[in-house]
Amino acid sequence: MAEAKDKDKKEAEIDTIWSRRDFFSLAGWGSFMAALGLSSLYFARLLFPRVLFEPSPIFKAGYPSDYTVGAVSTKYIKDQRVWIVRDEEGIYVIFGLCTHLGCTPRWLNTERKYKCPCHGSGFTQDGINFEGPAPRPLERLKISLAPDGQIIVDKSKKFLYEKGQWGQPGSKLLV
C-alpha cells in the first residue's frame, strides 16, 4: 500500500510539473511569435519611408523694375543665397557660394566686389575671381520672366563661366 501511495504521488507531481520537453516547446513557440511580431513591426515601418522635404529651388524675385542699373541686390542672400544684379544689358543672378570651399561671400558696395570672409577670395561685380584662392568665378543661375511679369530664379540650373555658359539663354534676362 505504501508503494501505491508513492506511485500516485509521483504521477500527481508529473501532472503538475512541466516536463523539459513541454517547457522548451513552449519557449520555442514564444520566441518564434516574438520574432514574427518584431519583424512585422519593422516591415510596417518600411511602409512609411523617411522623406526629407526640401524647399523648392524655384522662387519669384519681384519685377525687373524693382532693380536699379549698376546695383547689386542683397535682398535674397539670407533666404535664397543669391544676389540679383542689373547692368545696362539686363539682369542676372549670382549664386552666393564661394568656389574655393563653399562659404558665402559678402557684397562690399564701397569696393564694388564680393569678398569671401573665410579665405579672402575676391570676385568682381560680374562674379569673376581676381584675388585669393578661389579657382574659378562664381556661378550664375537661371533667370526668366513669369507670365505675370515677375522674375523667376531657378537654383537647380547653373551656368559656369569657364565652360562658356554665361552667354547661353537663361543665364541673363535681357530687359
C-alpha atoms as a PDB file:
ATOM      1  CA  MET A   1       0.000   0.000   0.000  1.00  0.00           C
ATOM      2  CA  ALA A   2       2.891   2.365   0.641  1.00  0.00           C
ATOM      3  CA  GLU A   3       4.118   1.659  -2.848  1.00  0.00           C
ATOM      4  CA  ALA A   4       0.756   2.611  -4.335  1.00  0.00           C
ATOM      5  CA  LYS A   5       0.768   5.913  -2.419  1.00  0.00           C
ATOM      6  CA  ASP A   6       4.276   6.713  -3.644  1.00  0.00           C
ATOM      7  CA  LYS A   7       3.262   5.852  -7.213  1.00  0.00           C
ATOM      8  CA  ASP A   8       0.135   8.058  -7.015  1.00  0.00           C
ATOM      9  CA  LYS A   9       2.227  10.869  -5.510  1.00  0.00           C
ATOM     10  CA  LYS A  10       4.807  10.662  -8.357  1.00  0.00           C
ATOM     11  CA  GLU A  11       2.068  10.636 -11.003  1.00  0.00           C
ATOM     12  CA  ALA A  12       0.469  13.719  -9.414  1.00  0.00           C
ATOM     13  CA  GLU A  13       3.832  15.521  -9.422  1.00  0.00           C
ATOM     14  CA  ILE A  14       4.351  14.679 -13.091  1.00  0.00           C
ATOM     15  CA  ASP A  15       0.910  16.037 -13.965  1.00  0.00           C
ATOM     16  CA  THR A  16       1.524  19.385 -12.191  1.00  0.00           C
ATOM     17  CA  ILE A  17       5.180  19.968 -13.127  1.00  0.00           C
ATOM     18  CA  TRP A  18       6.107  20.618 -16.759  1.00  0.00           C
ATOM     19  CA  SER A  19       8.440  18.306 -18.391  1.00  0.00           C
ATOM     20  CA  ARG A  20      11.576  19.663 -20.006  1.00  0.00           C
ATOM     21  CA  ARG A  21      10.124  18.917 -23.434  1.00  0.00           C
ATOM     22  CA  ASP A  22       6.945  20.929 -22.715  1.00  0.00           C
ATOM     23  CA  PHE A  23       8.918  23.889 -21.398  1.00  0.00           C
ATOM     24  CA  PHE A  24      11.289  24.110 -24.384  1.00  0.00           C
ATOM     25  CA  SER A  25       8.440  23.583 -26.822  1.00  0.00           C
ATOM     26  CA  LEU A  26       6.546  26.500 -25.284  1.00  0.00           C
ATOM     27  CA  ALA A  27       9.700  28.659 -25.132  1.00  0.00           C
ATOM     28  CA  GLY A  28      10.446  27.925 -28.784  1.00  0.00           C
ATOM     29  CA  TRP A  29       6.966  28.887 -29.912  1.00  0.00           C
ATOM     30  CA  GLY A  30       7.107  32.036 -27.768  1.00  0.00           C
ATOM     31  CA  SER A  31      10.427  33.063 -29.309  1.00  0.00           C
ATOM     32  CA  PHE A  32       9.090  32.408 -32.810  1.00  0.00           C
ATOM     33  CA  MET A  33       5.989  34.515 -32.175  1.00  0.00           C
ATOM     34  CA  ALA A  34       8.078  37.365 -30.690  1.00  0.00           C
ATOM     35  CA  ALA A  35      10.410  37.352 -33.710  1.00  0.00           C
ATOM     36  CA  LEU A  36       7.410  37.297 -36.045  1.00  0.00           C
ATOM     37  CA  GLY A  37       5.828  40.231 -34.218  1.00  0.00           C
ATOM     38  CA  LEU A  38       9.021  42.320 -34.261  1.00  0.00           C
ATOM     39  CA  SER A  39       9.656  41.639 -37.924  1.00  0.00           C
ATOM     40  CA  SER A  40       6.047  42.611 -38.690  1.00  0.00           C
ATOM     41  CA  LEU A  41       6.574  45.919 -36.871  1.00  0.00           C
ATOM     42  CA  TYR A  42       9.793  46.516 -38.805  1.00  0.00           C
ATOM     43  CA  PHE A  43       8.051  45.768 -42.092  1.00  0.00           C
ATOM     44  CA  ALA A  44       5.198  48.121 -41.202  1.00  0.00           C
ATOM     45  CA  ARG A  45       7.784  50.851 -40.513  1.00  0.00           C
ATOM     46  CA  LEU A  46       9.210  50.361 -44.015  1.00  0.00           C
ATOM     47  CA  LEU A  47       5.816  51.228 -45.491  1.00  0.00           C
ATOM     48  CA  PHE A  48       6.291  54.810 -44.222  1.00  0.00           C
ATOM     49  CA  PRO A  49       9.696  55.943 -45.559  1.00  0.00           C
ATOM     50  CA  ARG A  50      11.579  58.872 -44.123  1.00  0.00           C
ATOM     51  CA  VAL A  51      11.290  61.755 -46.519  1.00  0.00           C
ATOM     52  CA  LEU A  52      13.373  64.895 -46.441  1.00  0.00           C
ATOM     53  CA  PHE A  53      11.260  67.798 -47.616  1.00  0.00           C
ATOM     54  CA  GLU A  54      13.420  70.438 -49.244  1.00  0.00           C
ATOM     55  CA  PRO A  55      12.235  73.843 -50.307  1.00  0.00           C
ATOM     56  CA  SER A  56      11.634  74.448 -53.978  1.00  0.00           C
ATOM     57  CA  PRO A  57      14.703  75.639 -55.907  1.00  0.00           C
ATOM     58  CA  ILE A  58      12.461  77.980 -57.892  1.00  0.00           C
ATOM     59  CA  PHE A  59      11.328  81.297 -56.433  1.00  0.00           C
ATOM     60  CA  LYS A  60       9.934  84.628 -57.598  1.00  0.00           C
ATOM     61  CA  ALA A  61      12.128  87.675 -57.071  1.00  0.00           C
ATOM     62  CA  GLY A  62       9.821  90.589 -57.886  1.00  0.00           C
ATOM     63  CA  TYR A  63       9.613  92.688 -61.017  1.00  0.00           C
ATOM     64  CA  PRO A  64      12.519  93.894 -63.190  1.00  0.00           C
ATOM     65  CA  SER A  65      11.628  97.496 -62.324  1.00  0.00           C
ATOM     66  CA  ASP A  66      12.489  96.716 -58.676  1.00  0.00           C
ATOM     67  CA  TYR A  67      16.211  96.593 -59.559  1.00  0.00           C
ATOM     68  CA  THR A  68      18.312  99.623 -60.449  1.00  0.00           C
ATOM     69  CA  VAL A  69      21.019  99.617 -63.116  1.00  0.00           C
ATOM     70  CA  GLY A  70      24.510  99.069 -61.692  1.00  0.00           C
ATOM     71  CA  ALA A  71      23.291  97.872 -58.307  1.00  0.00           C
ATOM     72  CA  VAL A  72      23.618  94.511 -56.583  1.00  0.00           C
ATOM     73  CA  SER A  73      20.535  93.465 -54.641  1.00  0.00           C
ATOM     74  CA  THR A  74      21.313  91.625 -51.384  1.00  0.00           C
ATOM     75  CA  LYS A  75      17.615  91.090 -50.614  1.00  0.00           C
ATOM     76  CA  TYR A  76      17.735  87.316 -51.152  1.00  0.00           C
ATOM     77  CA  ILE A  77      21.217  86.468 -49.836  1.00  0.00           C
ATOM     78  CA  LYS A  78      19.989  85.207 -46.445  1.00  0.00           C
ATOM     79  CA  ASP A  79      16.921  83.265 -47.605  1.00  0.00           C
ATOM     80  CA  GLN A  80      17.970  82.025 -51.045  1.00  0.00           C
ATOM     81  CA  ARG A  81      21.755  82.640 -51.095  1.00  0.00           C
ATOM     82  CA  VAL A  82      21.652  84.686 -54.298  1.00  0.00           C
ATOM     83  CA  TRP A  83      22.457  88.206 -55.470  1.00  0.00           C
ATOM     84  CA  ILE A  84      20.456  89.797 -58.240  1.00  0.00           C
ATOM     85  CA  VAL A  85      22.483  92.179 -60.384  1.00  0.00           C
ATOM     86  CA  ARG A  86      21.213  94.591 -63.010  1.00  0.00           C
ATOM     87  CA  ASP A  87      23.567  96.101 -65.561  1.00  0.00           C
ATOM     88  CA  GLU A  88      22.997  98.024 -68.792  1.00  0.00           C
ATOM     89  CA  GLU A  89      22.190  94.830 -70.753  1.00  0.00           C
ATOM     90  CA  GLY A  90      19.890  93.071 -68.310  1.00  0.00           C
ATOM     91  CA  ILE A  91      19.536  91.170 -65.056  1.00  0.00           C
ATOM     92  CA  TYR A  92      21.468  88.111 -63.895  1.00  0.00           C
ATOM     93  CA  VAL A  93      21.598  86.087 -60.695  1.00  0.00           C
ATOM     94  CA  ILE A  94      24.817  85.099 -58.940  1.00  0.00           C
ATOM     95  CA  PHE A  95      24.846  82.126 -56.574  1.00  0.00           C
ATOM     96  CA  GLY A  96      26.379  83.141 -53.214  1.00  0.00           C
ATOM     97  CA  LEU A  97      28.721  80.173 -52.869  1.00  0.00           C
ATOM     98  CA  CYS A  98      32.486  80.697 -52.929  1.00  0.00           C
ATOM     99  CA  THR A  99      34.118  78.352 -55.408  1.00  0.00           C
ATOM    100  CA  HIS A 100      37.018  77.723 -53.025  1.00  0.00           C
ATOM    101  CA  LEU A 101      35.402  75.995 -50.035  1.00  0.00           C
ATOM    102  CA  GLY A 102      31.727  76.965 -50.164  1.00  0.00           C
ATOM    103  CA  CYS A 103      31.491  79.918 -47.795  1.00  0.00           C
ATOM    104  CA  THR A 104      29.058  82.738 -48.512  1.00  0.00           C
ATOM    105  CA  PRO A 105      30.916  85.829 -49.746  1.00  0.00           C
ATOM    106  CA  ARG A 106      29.782  89.322 -48.783  1.00  0.00           C
ATOM    107  CA  TRP A 107      28.961  92.119 -51.180  1.00  0.00           C
ATOM    108  CA  LEU A 108      31.105  95.149 -50.345  1.00  0.00           C
ATOM    109  CA  ASN A 109      29.318  98.053 -52.014  1.00  0.00           C
ATOM    110  CA  THR A 110      32.088 100.587 -51.349  1.00  0.00           C
ATOM    111  CA  GLU A 111      34.702  98.370 -53.029  1.00  0.00           C
ATOM    112  CA  ARG A 112      32.256  97.043 -55.665  1.00  0.00           C
ATOM    113  CA  LYS A 113      33.275  93.420 -55.105  1.00  0.00           C
ATOM    114  CA  TYR A 114      32.268  90.186 -53.397  1.00  0.00           C
ATOM    115  CA  LYS A 115      34.706  89.206 -50.659  1.00  0.00           C
ATOM    116  CA  CYS A 116      34.787  85.755 -49.056  1.00  0.00           C
ATOM    117  CA  PRO A 117      35.314  86.024 -45.285  1.00  0.00           C
ATOM    118  CA  CYS A 118      36.786  82.518 -44.974  1.00  0.00           C
ATOM    119  CA  HIS A 119      39.949  82.705 -47.079  1.00  0.00           C
ATOM    120  CA  GLY A 120      39.901  86.128 -48.735  1.00  0.00           C
ATOM    121  CA  SER A 121      38.803  85.312 -52.259  1.00  0.00           C
ATOM    122  CA  GLY A 122      37.617  88.343 -54.171  1.00  0.00           C
ATOM    123  CA  PHE A 123      35.169  88.494 -57.075  1.00  0.00           C
ATOM    124  CA  THR A 124      34.161  91.363 -59.337  1.00  0.00           C
ATOM    125  CA  GLN A 125      30.547  92.516 -59.607  1.00  0.00           C
ATOM    126  CA  ASP A 126      30.161  90.099 -62.533  1.00  0.00           C
ATOM    127  CA  GLY A 127      31.418  87.223 -60.362  1.00  0.00           C
ATOM    128  CA  ILE A 128      34.912  86.840 -61.900  1.00  0.00           C
ATOM    129  CA  ASN A 129      37.564  85.778 -59.378  1.00  0.00           C
ATOM    130  CA  PHE A 130      40.562  88.116 -59.189  1.00  0.00           C
ATOM    131  CA  GLU A 131      42.154  87.541 -55.779  1.00  0.00           C
ATOM    132  CA  GLY A 132      42.567  84.770 -53.253  1.00  0.00           C
ATOM    133  CA  PRO A 133      42.465  81.002 -53.576  1.00  0.00           C
ATOM    134  CA  ALA A 134      39.126  80.670 -55.412  1.00  0.00           C
ATOM    135  CA  PRO A 135      39.886  78.563 -58.522  1.00  0.00           C
ATOM    136  CA  ARG A 136      37.015  79.812 -60.689  1.00  0.00           C
ATOM    137  CA  PRO A 137      34.316  82.521 -60.934  1.00  0.00           C
ATOM    138  CA  LEU A 138      31.015  82.424 -59.100  1.00  0.00           C
ATOM    139  CA  GLU A 139      28.135  80.585 -60.743  1.00  0.00           C
ATOM    140  CA  ARG A 140      25.152  82.196 -62.373  1.00  0.00           C
ATOM    141  CA  LEU A 141      21.636  80.793 -62.020  1.00  0.00           C
ATOM    142  CA  LYS A 142      18.799  80.501 -64.497  1.00  0.00           C
ATOM    143  CA  ILE A 143      16.582  83.559 -64.684  1.00  0.00           C
ATOM    144  CA  SER A 144      13.356  84.064 -66.635  1.00  0.00           C
ATOM    145  CA  LEU A 145      10.103  86.002 -66.597  1.00  0.00           C
ATOM    146  CA  ALA A 146       6.810  84.554 -65.398  1.00  0.00           C
ATOM    147  CA  PRO A 147       3.587  85.242 -67.320  1.00  0.00           C
ATOM    148  CA  ASP A 148       2.674  87.838 -64.676  1.00  0.00           C
ATOM    149  CA  GLY A 149       5.919  89.745 -65.361  1.00  0.00           C
ATOM    150  CA  GLN A 150       7.818  88.697 -62.239  1.00  0.00           C
ATOM    151  CA  ILE A 151      11.373  87.381 -62.257  1.00  0.00           C
ATOM    152  CA  ILE A 152      11.710  83.632 -61.705  1.00  0.00           C
ATOM    153  CA  VAL A 153      15.015  82.269 -60.407  1.00  0.00           C
ATOM    154  CA  ASP A 154      15.786  78.550 -60.743  1.00  0.00           C
ATOM    155  CA  LYS A 155      18.647  77.497 -58.443  1.00  0.00           C
ATOM    156  CA  SER A 156      18.748  73.991 -59.913  1.00  0.00           C
ATOM    157  CA  LYS A 157      20.191  75.230 -63.229  1.00  0.00           C
ATOM    158  CA  LYS A 158      23.703  76.736 -63.020  1.00  0.00           C
ATOM    159  CA  PHE A 159      25.793  78.439 -65.673  1.00  0.00           C
ATOM    160  CA  LEU A 160      29.605  78.196 -65.438  1.00  0.00           C
ATOM    161  CA  TYR A 161      31.905  80.896 -66.840  1.00  0.00           C
ATOM    162  CA  GLU A 162      34.770  78.507 -67.585  1.00  0.00           C
ATOM    163  CA  LYS A 163      32.502  76.425 -69.830  1.00  0.00           C
ATOM    164  CA  GLY A 164      31.334  79.483 -71.743  1.00  0.00           C
ATOM    165  CA  GLN A 165      27.791  79.173 -70.423  1.00  0.00           C
ATOM    166  CA  TRP A 166      27.291  82.782 -69.307  1.00  0.00           C
ATOM    167  CA  GLY A 167      26.197  83.672 -72.831  1.00  0.00           C
ATOM    168  CA  GLN A 168      23.569  80.934 -73.065  1.00  0.00           C
ATOM    169  CA  PRO A 169      19.852  81.703 -72.949  1.00  0.00           C
ATOM    170  CA  GLY A 170      18.587  81.741 -69.365  1.00  0.00           C
ATOM    171  CA  SER A 171      21.847  82.972 -67.845  1.00  0.00           C
ATOM    172  CA  LYS A 172      20.791  86.597 -68.239  1.00  0.00           C
ATOM    173  CA  LEU A 173      17.416  88.288 -68.559  1.00  0.00           C
ATOM    174  CA  LEU A 174      17.556  90.956 -71.249  1.00  0.00           C
ATOM    175  CA  VAL A 175      15.307  93.872 -70.282  1.00  0.00           C
END
